[in-house]
Amino acid sequence: MTTPVRPRFVVQEHFARTHHYDFRLEWGGVFKSWVLRKPVPRTPGIRRLAIRVEDHDLGFGDFEGEIPQDEYGAGKIKIWDTGNLVVSRWSDQRITFQLAGDRLGGTYTLIRFPRAGPDRWLLFKHKE
C-alpha cells in the first residue's frame, strides 16, 4: 500500500534581472505560480502584491541552479522554502490554504486584486 502524496508548495528566490520570489502552489497537476518582489509574509497584517504567471511543471519545484543568460528567467534560483499544502478554497477570485514548511506555516489567502491590473493578487497570512 502506498502513502498518498500531499500537494506541496515551493518558494524559490530568484536572482534574475530583478530579485524576486517565485511562489508556487501544486494544483491540478501543475504548479500555479505567482511572482512577489518581497518574501512571502510570515506575520499577519502584511500584504504582498503577487503577480500571476504561467503554470510550471511539478519537476521545476525541485530546481536550484543557474538559468543561462540567453534564456527566459536567466539568473540564479534557490529554494527559499517548501513543504505541504492543504487547500480549503480555490476559486477564480480567492484561494485559501495552509502551508507547513520550514519557514512558512499557517493559513494564507490569495485574493484577486483587479484594480492593480490583470493577473494581480494580494497574498496575506491569517491570524491564528
C-alpha atoms as a PDB file:
ATOM      1  CA  MET A   1       0.000   0.000   0.000  1.00  0.00           C
ATOM      2  CA  THR A   2       1.406   3.388  -0.990  1.00  0.00           C
ATOM      3  CA  THR A   3       1.133   6.538   1.070  1.00  0.00           C
ATOM      4  CA  PRO A   4      -0.811   9.290  -0.689  1.00  0.00           C
ATOM      5  CA  VAL A   5       1.352  12.189  -1.791  1.00  0.00           C
ATOM      6  CA  ARG A   6       0.216  15.514  -0.375  1.00  0.00           C
ATOM      7  CA  PRO A   7       0.220  18.586  -2.580  1.00  0.00           C
ATOM      8  CA  ARG A   8       3.123  20.887  -1.908  1.00  0.00           C
ATOM      9  CA  PHE A   9       4.214  24.457  -2.207  1.00  0.00           C
ATOM     10  CA  VAL A  10       7.596  25.901  -3.057  1.00  0.00           C
ATOM     11  CA  VAL A  11       9.058  29.389  -2.825  1.00  0.00           C
ATOM     12  CA  GLN A  12      12.120  29.959  -4.970  1.00  0.00           C
ATOM     13  CA  GLU A  13      14.319  33.010  -4.509  1.00  0.00           C
ATOM     14  CA  HIS A  14      15.192  34.187  -7.998  1.00  0.00           C
ATOM     15  CA  PHE A  15      18.225  36.385  -8.647  1.00  0.00           C
ATOM     16  CA  ALA A  16      17.235  37.438 -12.165  1.00  0.00           C
ATOM     17  CA  ARG A  17      17.197  40.866 -13.824  1.00  0.00           C
ATOM     18  CA  THR A  18      15.178  41.881 -10.764  1.00  0.00           C
ATOM     19  CA  HIS A  19      15.462  39.996  -7.483  1.00  0.00           C
ATOM     20  CA  HIS A  20      12.099  38.377  -6.636  1.00  0.00           C
ATOM     21  CA  TYR A  21      10.389  35.292  -5.188  1.00  0.00           C
ATOM     22  CA  ASP A  22       8.512  32.679  -7.220  1.00  0.00           C
ATOM     23  CA  PHE A  23       5.567  31.397  -5.166  1.00  0.00           C
ATOM     24  CA  ARG A  24       4.165  28.075  -6.395  1.00  0.00           C
ATOM     25  CA  LEU A  25       1.160  26.020  -5.279  1.00  0.00           C
ATOM     26  CA  GLU A  26       0.554  22.496  -6.550  1.00  0.00           C
ATOM     27  CA  TRP A  27      -2.919  22.310  -8.086  1.00  0.00           C
ATOM     28  CA  GLY A  28      -4.341  20.284 -10.953  1.00  0.00           C
ATOM     29  CA  GLY A  29      -1.081  18.503 -11.735  1.00  0.00           C
ATOM     30  CA  VAL A  30       0.995  21.702 -12.144  1.00  0.00           C
ATOM     31  CA  PHE A  31       2.441  24.483 -10.047  1.00  0.00           C
ATOM     32  CA  LYS A  32       0.219  27.558 -10.188  1.00  0.00           C
ATOM     33  CA  SER A  33       2.719  30.394  -9.910  1.00  0.00           C
ATOM     34  CA  TRP A  34       2.983  33.994  -8.755  1.00  0.00           C
ATOM     35  CA  VAL A  35       5.893  36.450  -8.558  1.00  0.00           C
ATOM     36  CA  LEU A  36       6.463  38.544  -5.423  1.00  0.00           C
ATOM     37  CA  ARG A  37       9.008  41.366  -5.056  1.00  0.00           C
ATOM     38  CA  LYS A  38       9.482  40.549  -1.357  1.00  0.00           C
ATOM     39  CA  PRO A  39       9.335  37.261   0.579  1.00  0.00           C
ATOM     40  CA  VAL A  40       6.025  35.642   1.481  1.00  0.00           C
ATOM     41  CA  PRO A  41       4.831  37.321   4.691  1.00  0.00           C
ATOM     42  CA  ARG A  42       5.294  35.354   7.897  1.00  0.00           C
ATOM     43  CA  THR A  43       3.369  37.854  10.020  1.00  0.00           C
ATOM     44  CA  PRO A  44      -0.388  38.558   9.844  1.00  0.00           C
ATOM     45  CA  GLY A  45      -1.282  42.051   8.639  1.00  0.00           C
ATOM     46  CA  ILE A  46       1.386  42.220   5.934  1.00  0.00           C
ATOM     47  CA  ARG A  47       0.102  42.085   2.368  1.00  0.00           C
ATOM     48  CA  ARG A  48       2.171  41.340  -0.694  1.00  0.00           C
ATOM     49  CA  LEU A  49       1.291  42.032  -4.311  1.00  0.00           C
ATOM     50  CA  ALA A  50       1.520  38.721  -6.190  1.00  0.00           C
ATOM     51  CA  ILE A  51       1.545  38.679  -9.986  1.00  0.00           C
ATOM     52  CA  ARG A  52       0.134  35.518 -11.554  1.00  0.00           C
ATOM     53  CA  VAL A  53       2.455  33.999 -14.166  1.00  0.00           C
ATOM     54  CA  GLU A  54       2.399  30.846 -16.277  1.00  0.00           C
ATOM     55  CA  ASP A  55       1.992  27.409 -14.718  1.00  0.00           C
ATOM     56  CA  HIS A  56       5.126  25.349 -14.187  1.00  0.00           C
ATOM     57  CA  ASP A  57       5.748  21.620 -14.399  1.00  0.00           C
ATOM     58  CA  LEU A  58       5.919  19.905 -10.994  1.00  0.00           C
ATOM     59  CA  GLY A  59       9.525  18.888 -11.672  1.00  0.00           C
ATOM     60  CA  PHE A  60      10.520  22.559 -11.591  1.00  0.00           C
ATOM     61  CA  GLY A  61       9.716  22.680  -7.870  1.00  0.00           C
ATOM     62  CA  ASP A  62      12.994  20.958  -7.026  1.00  0.00           C
ATOM     63  CA  PHE A  63      15.121  23.186  -9.247  1.00  0.00           C
ATOM     64  CA  GLU A  64      18.038  25.089  -7.776  1.00  0.00           C
ATOM     65  CA  GLY A  65      20.753  26.402 -10.016  1.00  0.00           C
ATOM     66  CA  GLU A  66      21.535  28.824 -12.787  1.00  0.00           C
ATOM     67  CA  ILE A  67      19.387  29.587 -15.818  1.00  0.00           C
ATOM     68  CA  PRO A  68      21.772  30.671 -18.626  1.00  0.00           C
ATOM     69  CA  GLN A  69      21.909  34.380 -19.545  1.00  0.00           C
ATOM     70  CA  ASP A  70      20.401  33.887 -23.005  1.00  0.00           C
ATOM     71  CA  GLU A  71      17.281  32.081 -21.676  1.00  0.00           C
ATOM     72  CA  TYR A  72      13.997  33.350 -20.231  1.00  0.00           C
ATOM     73  CA  GLY A  73      14.325  33.864 -16.457  1.00  0.00           C
ATOM     74  CA  ALA A  74      18.116  33.968 -16.598  1.00  0.00           C
ATOM     75  CA  GLY A  75      19.783  34.026 -13.201  1.00  0.00           C
ATOM     76  CA  LYS A  76      20.336  32.002 -10.061  1.00  0.00           C
ATOM     77  CA  ILE A  77      17.435  30.202  -8.354  1.00  0.00           C
ATOM     78  CA  LYS A  78      17.481  28.717  -4.868  1.00  0.00           C
ATOM     79  CA  ILE A  79      14.700  27.143  -2.839  1.00  0.00           C
ATOM     80  CA  TRP A  80      13.688  29.543  -0.057  1.00  0.00           C
ATOM     81  CA  ASP A  81      11.041  27.207   1.446  1.00  0.00           C
ATOM     82  CA  THR A  82       8.995  24.157   0.539  1.00  0.00           C
ATOM     83  CA  GLY A  83       6.517  21.919   2.296  1.00  0.00           C
ATOM     84  CA  ASN A  84       2.979  20.593   2.430  1.00  0.00           C
ATOM     85  CA  LEU A  85      -0.068  22.416   1.124  1.00  0.00           C
ATOM     86  CA  VAL A  86      -3.702  21.964   2.181  1.00  0.00           C
ATOM     87  CA  VAL A  87      -6.220  23.945   0.117  1.00  0.00           C
ATOM     88  CA  SER A  88      -9.533  24.830   1.770  1.00  0.00           C
ATOM     89  CA  ARG A  89     -10.908  27.049  -1.020  1.00  0.00           C
ATOM     90  CA  TRP A  90      -9.896  27.544  -4.658  1.00  0.00           C
ATOM     91  CA  SER A  91     -11.887  29.844  -6.927  1.00  0.00           C
ATOM     92  CA  ASP A  92     -11.121  32.377  -9.659  1.00  0.00           C
ATOM     93  CA  GLN A  93     -11.264  35.161  -7.058  1.00  0.00           C
ATOM     94  CA  ARG A  94      -9.905  33.664  -3.824  1.00  0.00           C
ATOM     95  CA  ILE A  95      -7.577  30.854  -2.760  1.00  0.00           C
ATOM     96  CA  THR A  96      -7.278  29.933   0.922  1.00  0.00           C
ATOM     97  CA  PHE A  97      -4.731  27.359   2.041  1.00  0.00           C
ATOM     98  CA  GLN A  98      -2.476  26.152   4.834  1.00  0.00           C
ATOM     99  CA  LEU A  99       1.290  25.907   4.472  1.00  0.00           C
ATOM    100  CA  ALA A 100       3.606  23.690   6.502  1.00  0.00           C
ATOM    101  CA  GLY A 101       7.244  24.358   5.631  1.00  0.00           C
ATOM    102  CA  ASP A 102      10.478  25.201   7.429  1.00  0.00           C
ATOM    103  CA  ARG A 103       9.919  28.990   7.204  1.00  0.00           C
ATOM    104  CA  LEU A 104       6.232  29.293   6.390  1.00  0.00           C
ATOM    105  CA  GLY A 105       3.333  27.903   8.361  1.00  0.00           C
ATOM    106  CA  GLY A 106      -0.291  28.736   8.908  1.00  0.00           C
ATOM    107  CA  THR A 107      -3.261  29.846   6.861  1.00  0.00           C
ATOM    108  CA  TYR A 108      -2.880  32.176   3.894  1.00  0.00           C
ATOM    109  CA  THR A 109      -5.166  33.728   1.311  1.00  0.00           C
ATOM    110  CA  LEU A 110      -4.569  34.931  -2.222  1.00  0.00           C
ATOM    111  CA  ILE A 111      -7.325  37.282  -3.373  1.00  0.00           C
ATOM    112  CA  ARG A 112      -7.677  38.721  -6.865  1.00  0.00           C
ATOM    113  CA  PHE A 113      -6.889  42.464  -6.975  1.00  0.00           C
ATOM    114  CA  PRO A 114      -8.045  43.647 -10.421  1.00  0.00           C
ATOM    115  CA  ARG A 115      -7.679  47.370  -9.608  1.00  0.00           C
ATOM    116  CA  ALA A 116      -3.917  46.843  -9.656  1.00  0.00           C
ATOM    117  CA  GLY A 117      -4.021  45.282 -13.136  1.00  0.00           C
ATOM    118  CA  PRO A 118      -4.532  41.955 -14.844  1.00  0.00           C
ATOM    119  CA  ASP A 119      -3.262  38.885 -13.006  1.00  0.00           C
ATOM    120  CA  ARG A 120      -2.700  40.875  -9.797  1.00  0.00           C
ATOM    121  CA  TRP A 121      -3.466  39.242  -6.466  1.00  0.00           C
ATOM    122  CA  LEU A 122      -2.886  40.100  -2.797  1.00  0.00           C
ATOM    123  CA  LEU A 123      -1.264  37.482  -0.567  1.00  0.00           C
ATOM    124  CA  PHE A 124      -1.594  37.628   3.206  1.00  0.00           C
ATOM    125  CA  LYS A 125      -1.304  35.443   6.290  1.00  0.00           C
ATOM    126  CA  HIS A 126      -4.237  34.960   8.652  1.00  0.00           C
ATOM    127  CA  LYS A 127      -4.103  35.495  12.407  1.00  0.00           C
ATOM    128  CA  GLU A 128      -4.038  32.085  14.062  1.00  0.00           C
END
